[in-house]
Amino acid sequence: MAVVDATVLLDFVSSLAVLGLLVLSFSALAPALRSGWYVAPTLGAFFALVVGLQMSMTLSPADGVIVDMRQVPIVLAGAFLGFRGLAVCLCIAVSMRLAIGGIGMPAGVLGMLLAGVSGYVWGSLRHRLPLNDVGKLGVLGLITNLHMLSAFVAPSDIMHWYFTAAAPTVFFLNMCSVPTIGWLLLREVNLVERTAFLSASARLDPVTRLLPTPAFAQEVAHFHASQDDHRLGGVIAVTLKTSSWLRRTWGDQSVAQALGVLRLRFGATVGDQRPLGIDSRDRILIPVTETEMRDLRPLRRTLRRCASETPLVIDDSIEVPLAVLMESFALRHPHAPDETAKDIQRATAARTPAAKRRTTRKKTRQPNDASMPKGLCRTTYQRLFDETDAHMRRAVKQG
């Protein structure tokens, strides 16, 4: 390979600067990559635009040798954007290469596909590689060069020229640029994952003061191992049945206040400092011991009574009755926080709309969670509740 002069080095630095745009776009949108379905396709389109810029910024390290760095954004898209981001990137990049045409078009398209697949495979196996980040990025730089196999589909004279003149330069550029840009992207990924972990593991919900699911799972393991009589067997999930009405009438803050009140009442009822959590459906999670799991009826009656006997006071003057719905599920491995979190997630996902409809149809055959005051039937109680609702609505309008 010929000696690289200052002009070629300047072109190489300029090409790396364009690749730096990938890092800027990724760092801006990466925090939403897990939750926003549109983020990966958007980044894939941006990576494809950088591919177009790379195809227009060819490097000529020696006479008769012309290369570009189009494969770098594609392999990075496969490594860090997932399937959807890679698919969008490849569709746009391949379309641009087809528009350019030429005798090397089939080999160019195949090279793009090989680069994308190589990056995607690396991204899928990254956590399983027994290497540190530097070693993993070195592996990514090496497998990026698999796109050079596409030269075998080109005419024999072009294939001979590519492997004798261009391939060494392409290999050098890939080994320099892919680990460098990949390290910056991997740094952003690790930062996002760390931030998400710290946020999910917050010790207390800032409003209800209940433990989020990850922190609750950790505390369940601690409580389970603390004493023999604290051996846990399951969880009771308490749903505030009046949450929709409270939210419509008094806003979200009233629901958080009600959950906080229930937390204090339930904590005083169980009285053994067991952790209380909250899941993604705003259900209060109460761990129960193996002894209690054998017959949950006494504990459920006690919890329902302490929830419904005393109304919730809003604005220091308005009393609102509370009603709760209780469900229970077993914990397979309470000593393992990851397994506890999976059990909670599985129990939350099980509440499908169909299950809710079945619950509604069978409601007449099941005992109501809210205990009826003595001397009142269910119809009268519901009428009084509706009249209270109408009265508070009129009071809000007059105020």
Protein backbone atom coordinates (compact mmCIF):
# COMPACT_ATOMS: atom_id res chain seq x y z
CA MET A 1 0.00 0.00 0.00
CA ALA A 2 1.36 3.40 -0.97
CA VAL A 3 2.39 6.00 1.58
CA VAL A 4 -0.59 8.04 2.73
CA ASP A 5 0.00 11.79 2.31
CA ALA A 6 -1.48 14.70 4.28
CA THR A 7 -4.39 15.19 1.87
CA VAL A 8 -5.56 11.61 2.31
CA LEU A 9 -5.25 11.89 6.09
CA LEU A 10 -7.36 15.05 5.99
CA ASP A 11 -10.00 13.24 3.94
CA PHE A 12 -9.95 10.39 6.45
CA VAL A 13 -10.44 12.78 9.40
CA SER A 14 -13.30 14.49 7.53
CA SER A 15 -14.95 11.14 6.99
CA LEU A 16 -14.63 10.31 10.69
CA ALA A 17 -16.16 13.70 11.52
CA VAL A 18 -19.22 12.78 9.46
CA LEU A 19 -19.42 9.49 11.34
CA GLY A 20 -19.39 11.55 14.53
CA LEU A 21 -22.89 12.71 13.58
CA LEU A 22 -24.02 9.18 14.37
CA VAL A 23 -22.88 9.61 17.95
CA LEU A 24 -24.69 12.94 18.31
CA SER A 25 -27.97 11.59 16.97
CA PHE A 26 -27.71 8.40 19.01
CA SER A 27 -26.96 10.23 22.26
CA ALA A 28 -29.95 12.53 21.69
CA LEU A 29 -32.48 9.74 21.07
CA ALA A 30 -30.96 6.77 22.92
CA PRO A 31 -32.80 7.45 26.24
CA ALA A 32 -36.11 6.83 24.41
CA LEU A 33 -34.83 3.82 22.47
CA ARG A 34 -36.41 1.31 24.87
CA SER A 35 -39.88 2.86 25.03
CA GLY A 36 -40.39 4.78 21.78
CA TRP A 37 -41.16 2.50 18.81
CA TYR A 38 -40.27 5.30 16.39
CA VAL A 39 -36.77 5.94 17.77
CA ALA A 40 -34.94 2.99 16.16
CA PRO A 41 -36.45 3.59 12.66
CA THR A 42 -35.65 7.31 12.94
CA LEU A 43 -32.06 6.59 13.86
CA GLY A 44 -31.91 3.99 11.08
CA ALA A 45 -32.95 6.65 8.55
CA PHE A 46 -30.32 9.02 9.92
CA PHE A 47 -27.63 6.34 9.72
CA ALA A 48 -28.66 5.72 6.09
CA LEU A 49 -28.21 9.41 5.30
CA VAL A 50 -24.68 9.17 6.69
CA VAL A 51 -24.17 6.18 4.38
CA GLY A 52 -25.11 8.44 1.47
CA LEU A 53 -22.62 11.06 2.63
CA GLN A 54 -19.91 8.41 2.89
CA MET A 55 -20.56 7.24 -0.67
CA SER A 56 -20.05 10.82 -1.85
CA MET A 57 -16.83 11.23 0.19
CA THR A 58 -14.54 8.68 -1.41
CA LEU A 59 -10.94 8.29 -0.27
CA SER A 60 -8.02 7.77 -2.63
CA PRO A 61 -5.01 6.59 -0.60
CA ALA A 62 -3.10 5.59 -3.76
CA ASP A 63 -3.34 6.09 -7.50
CA GLY A 64 -6.18 4.03 -8.90
CA VAL A 65 -7.52 3.07 -5.44
CA ILE A 66 -10.90 4.59 -4.49
CA VAL A 67 -12.71 3.46 -1.34
CA ASP A 68 -15.45 4.79 0.92
CA MET A 69 -16.65 4.06 4.44
CA ARG A 70 -20.30 3.31 3.69
CA GLN A 71 -20.21 0.00 5.56
CA VAL A 72 -19.34 1.61 8.89
CA PRO A 73 -22.76 3.25 9.54
CA ILE A 74 -24.51 0.08 8.36
CA VAL A 75 -22.61 -2.27 10.66
CA LEU A 76 -23.12 0.16 13.57
CA ALA A 77 -26.84 0.32 12.80
CA GLY A 78 -27.03 -3.46 13.05
CA ALA A 79 -25.00 -3.47 16.25
CA PHE A 80 -26.85 -0.75 18.18
CA LEU A 81 -30.26 -0.08 16.61
CA GLY A 82 -31.80 -3.54 16.54
CA PHE A 83 -33.74 -5.15 13.72
CA ARG A 84 -36.12 -2.27 12.95
CA GLY A 85 -33.39 0.34 12.85
CA LEU A 86 -31.19 -1.87 10.68
CA ALA A 87 -34.07 -2.65 8.30
CA VAL A 88 -34.81 1.04 7.73
CA CYS A 89 -31.12 1.83 7.30
CA LEU A 90 -30.61 -0.97 4.76
CA CYS A 91 -33.73 -0.11 2.76
CA ILE A 92 -32.64 3.50 2.30
CA ALA A 93 -28.94 2.72 1.76
CA VAL A 94 -29.61 -0.05 -0.76
CA SER A 95 -32.03 2.20 -2.63
CA MET A 96 -29.34 4.87 -2.93
CA ARG A 97 -26.80 2.33 -4.18
CA LEU A 98 -29.26 0.98 -6.75
CA ALA A 99 -29.83 4.52 -7.96
CA ILE A 100 -26.09 4.98 -8.53
CA GLY A 101 -25.91 1.78 -10.57
CA GLY A 102 -22.70 0.66 -12.24
CA ILE A 103 -20.99 -2.66 -12.81
CA GLY A 104 -20.16 -2.97 -9.12
CA MET A 105 -23.76 -2.49 -7.97
CA PRO A 106 -24.52 -6.18 -7.13
CA ALA A 107 -21.32 -6.49 -5.10
CA GLY A 108 -22.02 -3.18 -3.36
CA VAL A 109 -25.54 -4.21 -2.34
CA LEU A 110 -24.34 -7.62 -1.12
CA GLY A 111 -21.59 -5.92 0.89
CA MET A 112 -24.18 -3.71 2.61
CA LEU A 113 -26.27 -6.74 3.52
CA LEU A 114 -23.25 -8.60 4.89
CA ALA A 115 -22.23 -5.57 6.96
CA GLY A 116 -25.72 -5.19 8.41
CA VAL A 117 -26.03 -8.87 9.29
CA SER A 118 -22.57 -8.88 10.87
CA GLY A 119 -23.44 -5.92 13.08
CA TYR A 120 -26.81 -7.40 14.06
CA VAL A 121 -25.25 -10.73 15.05
CA TRP A 122 -22.63 -8.92 17.14
CA GLY A 123 -25.33 -6.86 18.86
CA SER A 124 -27.34 -10.00 19.66
CA LEU A 125 -24.32 -11.82 21.13
CA ARG A 126 -22.55 -8.84 22.73
CA HIS A 127 -23.53 -9.66 26.30
CA ARG A 128 -22.46 -13.31 25.89
CA LEU A 129 -18.93 -12.58 24.70
CA PRO A 130 -16.39 -13.33 27.47
CA LEU A 131 -14.50 -10.09 26.74
CA ASN A 132 -14.38 -6.55 28.02
CA ASP A 133 -15.74 -3.67 25.95
CA VAL A 134 -12.44 -3.13 24.14
CA GLY A 135 -12.25 -6.78 23.12
CA LYS A 136 -15.88 -6.80 22.00
CA LEU A 137 -15.31 -3.72 19.84
CA GLY A 138 -12.22 -5.35 18.37
CA VAL A 139 -14.37 -8.33 17.39
CA LEU A 140 -16.89 -5.93 15.82
CA GLY A 141 -14.10 -4.31 13.78
CA LEU A 142 -12.92 -7.70 12.54
CA ILE A 143 -16.33 -9.03 11.50
CA THR A 144 -17.07 -5.77 9.72
CA ASN A 145 -14.55 -6.85 7.10
CA LEU A 146 -16.79 -9.75 6.12
CA HIS A 147 -18.43 -7.36 3.66
CA MET A 148 -15.31 -7.71 1.49
CA LEU A 149 -16.53 -11.20 0.57
CA SER A 150 -19.03 -9.47 -1.72
CA ALA A 151 -16.16 -8.81 -4.15
CA PHE A 152 -16.38 -12.45 -5.24
CA VAL A 153 -19.61 -11.69 -7.12
CA ALA A 154 -17.92 -8.93 -9.14
CA PRO A 155 -16.17 -9.56 -12.48
CA SER A 156 -12.80 -11.30 -12.10
CA ASP A 157 -10.67 -8.28 -13.05
CA ILE A 158 -12.49 -6.04 -10.54
CA MET A 159 -12.24 -8.74 -7.85
CA HIS A 160 -8.49 -9.08 -8.45
CA TRP A 161 -8.01 -5.30 -8.26
CA TYR A 162 -10.11 -5.04 -5.10
CA PHE A 163 -8.20 -7.64 -3.09
CA THR A 164 -4.76 -6.49 -4.25
CA ALA A 165 -5.22 -2.70 -4.13
CA ALA A 166 -8.29 -1.69 -2.10
CA ALA A 167 -8.82 -4.47 0.47
CA PRO A 168 -5.79 -3.62 2.68
CA THR A 169 -6.91 0.01 2.90
CA VAL A 170 -10.52 -0.96 3.61
CA PHE A 171 -9.36 -3.33 6.36
CA PHE A 172 -7.24 -0.58 7.94
CA LEU A 173 -10.08 1.96 7.80
CA ASN A 174 -12.57 -0.49 9.29
CA MET A 175 -10.28 -1.43 12.17
CA CYS A 176 -9.71 2.26 12.96
CA SER A 177 -13.20 3.69 12.55
CA VAL A 178 -15.57 0.93 13.71
CA PRO A 179 -14.06 0.39 17.21
CA THR A 180 -13.65 4.17 17.63
CA ILE A 181 -17.23 5.14 16.77
CA GLY A 182 -18.51 1.92 18.35
CA TRP A 183 -16.84 2.82 21.64
CA LEU A 184 -18.65 6.17 21.72
CA LEU A 185 -21.99 4.51 20.93
CA LEU A 186 -21.39 1.74 23.47
CA ARG A 187 -20.61 4.38 26.07
CA GLU A 188 -24.00 5.97 25.43
CA VAL A 189 -25.73 2.56 25.64
CA ASN A 190 -24.06 1.78 28.98
CA LEU A 191 -25.00 5.22 30.29
CA VAL A 192 -28.64 4.78 29.29
CA GLU A 193 -28.80 1.28 30.80
CA ARG A 194 -27.21 2.50 34.03
CA THR A 195 -29.61 5.45 34.27
CA ALA A 196 -32.60 3.20 33.62
CA PHE A 197 -31.40 0.74 36.28
CA LEU A 198 -30.95 3.47 38.89
CA SER A 199 -34.34 4.95 38.05
CA ALA A 200 -36.10 1.58 38.22
CA SER A 201 -34.36 0.70 41.47
CA ALA A 202 -35.36 3.89 43.25
CA ARG A 203 -36.00 2.96 46.86
CA LEU A 204 -39.38 4.75 47.08
CA ASP A 205 -41.94 6.11 44.69
CA PRO A 206 -41.64 9.89 45.16
CA VAL A 207 -45.42 10.40 45.56
CA THR A 208 -46.95 7.29 47.16
CA ARG A 209 -43.78 6.32 49.07
CA LEU A 210 -44.28 2.73 47.90
CA LEU A 211 -41.44 0.61 46.56
CA PRO A 212 -41.22 0.24 42.76
CA THR A 213 -41.13 -3.33 41.52
CA PRO A 214 -37.29 -3.75 41.32
CA ALA A 215 -36.77 -2.31 44.79
CA PHE A 216 -39.76 -4.27 46.13
CA ALA A 217 -38.28 -7.51 44.78
CA GLN A 218 -34.99 -6.77 46.56
CA GLU A 219 -36.75 -6.03 49.85
CA VAL A 220 -38.83 -9.20 49.51
CA ALA A 221 -35.59 -11.22 49.33
CA HIS A 222 -34.24 -9.43 52.43
CA PHE A 223 -37.47 -9.93 54.39
CA HIS A 224 -37.67 -13.58 53.32
CA ALA A 225 -34.18 -14.26 54.66
CA SER A 226 -34.48 -12.23 57.87
CA GLN A 227 -36.31 -14.75 60.10
CA ASP A 228 -37.88 -18.19 59.89
CA ASP A 229 -41.38 -16.86 60.47
CA HIS A 230 -40.87 -14.37 57.62
CA ARG A 231 -40.66 -17.02 54.93
CA LEU A 232 -42.74 -15.60 52.09
CA GLY A 233 -44.99 -17.59 49.80
CA GLY A 234 -46.87 -15.07 47.70
CA VAL A 235 -48.18 -11.55 47.17
CA ILE A 236 -51.56 -9.89 47.56
CA ALA A 237 -52.13 -7.21 44.91
CA VAL A 238 -54.62 -4.52 46.00
CA THR A 239 -56.37 -2.44 43.34
CA LEU A 240 -58.14 0.79 44.26
CA LYS A 241 -61.54 0.34 42.61
CA THR A 242 -62.46 4.03 42.86
CA SER A 243 -59.24 5.27 41.22
CA SER A 244 -60.92 6.20 37.91
CA TRP A 245 -63.62 8.18 39.69
CA LEU A 246 -61.07 9.91 41.91
CA ARG A 247 -58.93 10.80 38.90
CA ARG A 248 -61.88 12.26 36.97
CA THR A 249 -63.20 14.24 39.92
CA TRP A 250 -60.14 15.35 41.83
CA GLY A 251 -57.17 14.69 39.53
CA ASP A 252 -54.18 12.35 39.64
CA GLN A 253 -52.98 13.72 42.94
CA SER A 254 -56.04 12.33 44.71
CA VAL A 255 -55.22 8.80 43.50
CA ALA A 256 -51.66 9.13 44.77
CA GLN A 257 -53.00 10.39 48.10
CA ALA A 258 -55.38 7.45 48.36
CA LEU A 259 -52.57 4.97 47.62
CA GLY A 260 -50.40 6.66 50.23
CA VAL A 261 -53.19 6.42 52.80
CA LEU A 262 -53.67 2.74 52.03
CA ARG A 263 -49.93 2.22 52.42
CA LEU A 264 -50.06 3.60 55.97
CA ARG A 265 -53.16 1.58 56.86
CA PHE A 266 -51.84 -1.69 55.44
CA GLY A 267 -48.46 -1.18 57.05
CA ALA A 268 -50.08 -0.67 60.44
CA THR A 269 -52.30 -3.73 59.89
CA VAL A 270 -49.56 -6.24 59.08
CA GLY A 271 -47.28 -4.62 61.66
CA ASP A 272 -44.09 -6.59 60.97
CA GLN A 273 -42.24 -4.12 58.74
CA ARG A 274 -42.78 -6.17 55.61
CA PRO A 275 -42.13 -4.16 52.41
CA LEU A 276 -45.02 -2.68 50.45
CA GLY A 277 -44.63 -2.10 46.70
CA ILE A 278 -46.49 -0.81 43.67
CA ASP A 279 -46.56 -2.26 40.15
CA SER A 280 -47.14 -0.75 36.72
CA ARG A 281 -50.94 -0.92 37.17
CA ASP A 282 -50.82 1.06 40.43
CA ARG A 283 -51.61 -2.05 42.47
CA ILE A 284 -50.28 -2.12 46.02
CA LEU A 285 -48.16 -5.24 46.53
CA ILE A 286 -48.25 -6.88 49.96
CA PRO A 287 -46.05 -9.96 50.52
CA VAL A 288 -47.63 -12.76 52.52
CA THR A 289 -45.96 -15.54 54.43
CA GLU A 290 -46.20 -19.23 53.66
CA THR A 291 -48.51 -19.67 56.67
CA GLU A 292 -50.84 -16.90 55.49
CA MET A 293 -50.90 -18.34 51.96
CA ARG A 294 -52.58 -21.50 53.25
CA ASP A 295 -55.68 -19.44 54.08
CA LEU A 296 -55.73 -15.84 52.89
CA ARG A 297 -59.31 -15.11 53.90
CA PRO A 298 -58.57 -13.65 57.37
CA LEU A 299 -55.87 -11.34 56.04
CA ARG A 300 -57.99 -10.28 53.06
CA ARG A 301 -60.94 -9.45 55.32
CA THR A 302 -58.70 -7.43 57.61
CA LEU A 303 -57.17 -5.48 54.74
CA ARG A 304 -60.58 -4.78 53.18
CA ARG A 305 -61.90 -3.57 56.51
CA CYS A 306 -59.04 -1.19 57.19
CA ALA A 307 -59.35 0.19 53.63
CA SER A 308 -63.11 0.80 53.60
CA GLU A 309 -64.09 1.52 57.22
CA THR A 310 -62.54 5.00 57.31
CA PRO A 311 -63.16 7.28 54.30
CA LEU A 312 -60.45 9.29 52.62
CA VAL A 313 -60.54 13.00 53.49
CA ILE A 314 -59.86 15.33 50.54
CA ASP A 315 -59.24 19.06 50.98
CA ASP A 316 -59.68 18.63 54.75
CA SER A 317 -63.45 18.57 54.39
CA ILE A 318 -64.76 16.02 51.87
CA GLU A 319 -64.95 12.38 52.85
CA VAL A 320 -64.61 9.83 50.04
CA PRO A 321 -65.24 6.11 50.61
CA LEU A 322 -62.57 3.71 49.39
CA ALA A 323 -63.18 0.30 47.88
CA VAL A 324 -60.50 -2.21 46.92
CA LEU A 325 -60.14 -5.34 44.83
CA MET A 326 -57.70 -8.02 45.94
CA GLU A 327 -55.84 -10.66 43.97
CA SER A 328 -53.11 -13.05 45.02
CA PHE A 329 -50.34 -14.99 43.31
CA ALA A 330 -47.53 -17.22 44.48
CA LEU A 331 -43.83 -16.43 44.47
CA ARG A 332 -41.74 -19.24 43.04
CA HIS A 333 -38.38 -18.05 44.37
CA PRO A 334 -38.82 -15.18 46.88
CA HIS A 335 -35.09 -15.26 47.63
CA ALA A 336 -34.28 -14.29 44.01
CA PRO A 337 -35.22 -10.67 43.18
CA ASP A 338 -35.14 -11.27 39.41
CA GLU A 339 -37.60 -14.16 39.70
CA THR A 340 -39.86 -12.11 41.98
CA ALA A 341 -39.92 -9.28 39.44
CA LYS A 342 -40.84 -11.78 36.72
CA ASP A 343 -43.66 -13.19 38.86
CA ILE A 344 -45.04 -9.69 39.39
CA GLN A 345 -44.76 -8.86 35.69
CA ARG A 346 -46.47 -12.13 34.78
CA ALA A 347 -49.31 -11.49 37.21
CA THR A 348 -49.72 -7.95 35.88
CA ALA A 349 -49.83 -9.09 32.25
CA ALA A 350 -52.44 -11.73 33.13
CA ARG A 351 -55.02 -9.01 33.71
CA THR A 352 -56.21 -8.81 30.10
CA PRO A 353 -59.46 -7.12 29.06
CA ALA A 354 -61.01 -10.56 28.56
CA ALA A 355 -60.13 -11.48 32.13
CA LYS A 356 -61.70 -8.24 33.32
CA ARG A 357 -64.90 -9.03 31.43
CA ARG A 358 -65.04 -12.49 32.98
CA THR A 359 -64.59 -10.92 36.40
CA THR A 360 -67.46 -8.54 35.69
CA ARG A 361 -69.78 -11.34 34.58
CA LYS A 362 -69.03 -13.38 37.70
CA LYS A 363 -69.23 -10.47 40.09
CA THR A 364 -72.67 -11.43 41.40
CA ARG A 365 -71.33 -14.77 42.61
CA GLN A 366 -68.24 -13.36 44.31
CA PRO A 367 -68.12 -11.44 47.59
CA ASN A 368 -67.60 -7.72 47.15
CA ASP A 369 -64.29 -6.38 48.39
CA ALA A 370 -65.94 -3.42 50.13
CA SER A 371 -67.81 -4.44 53.27
CA MET A 372 -71.40 -3.10 53.38
CA PRO A 373 -72.41 -0.98 56.39
CA LYS A 374 -74.85 -2.76 58.66
CA GLY A 375 -78.48 -2.29 57.61
CA LEU A 376 -77.68 -1.26 53.99
CA CYS A 377 -78.10 -3.36 50.89
CA ARG A 378 -75.84 -3.10 47.87
CA THR A 379 -78.36 -1.07 45.83
CA THR A 380 -78.84 1.52 48.56
CA TYR A 381 -75.11 1.79 49.08
CA GLN A 382 -74.51 2.38 45.38
CA ARG A 383 -77.30 5.01 45.28
CA LEU A 384 -75.74 6.86 48.21
CA PHE A 385 -72.37 6.73 46.49
CA ASP A 386 -73.86 8.20 43.29
CA GLU A 387 -75.63 10.95 45.24
CA THR A 388 -72.37 11.84 46.97
CA ASP A 389 -70.67 11.98 43.59
CA ALA A 390 -73.34 14.34 42.22
CA HIS A 391 -73.20 16.50 45.34
CA MET A 392 -69.42 16.93 45.10
CA ARG A 393 -69.64 17.78 41.43
CA ARG A 394 -72.15 20.55 42.21
CA ALA A 395 -69.90 21.81 45.01
CA VAL A 396 -66.94 21.98 42.62
CA LYS A 397 -68.96 23.97 40.05
CA GLN A 398 -70.27 26.39 42.70
CA GLY A 399 -66.79 26.89 44.10
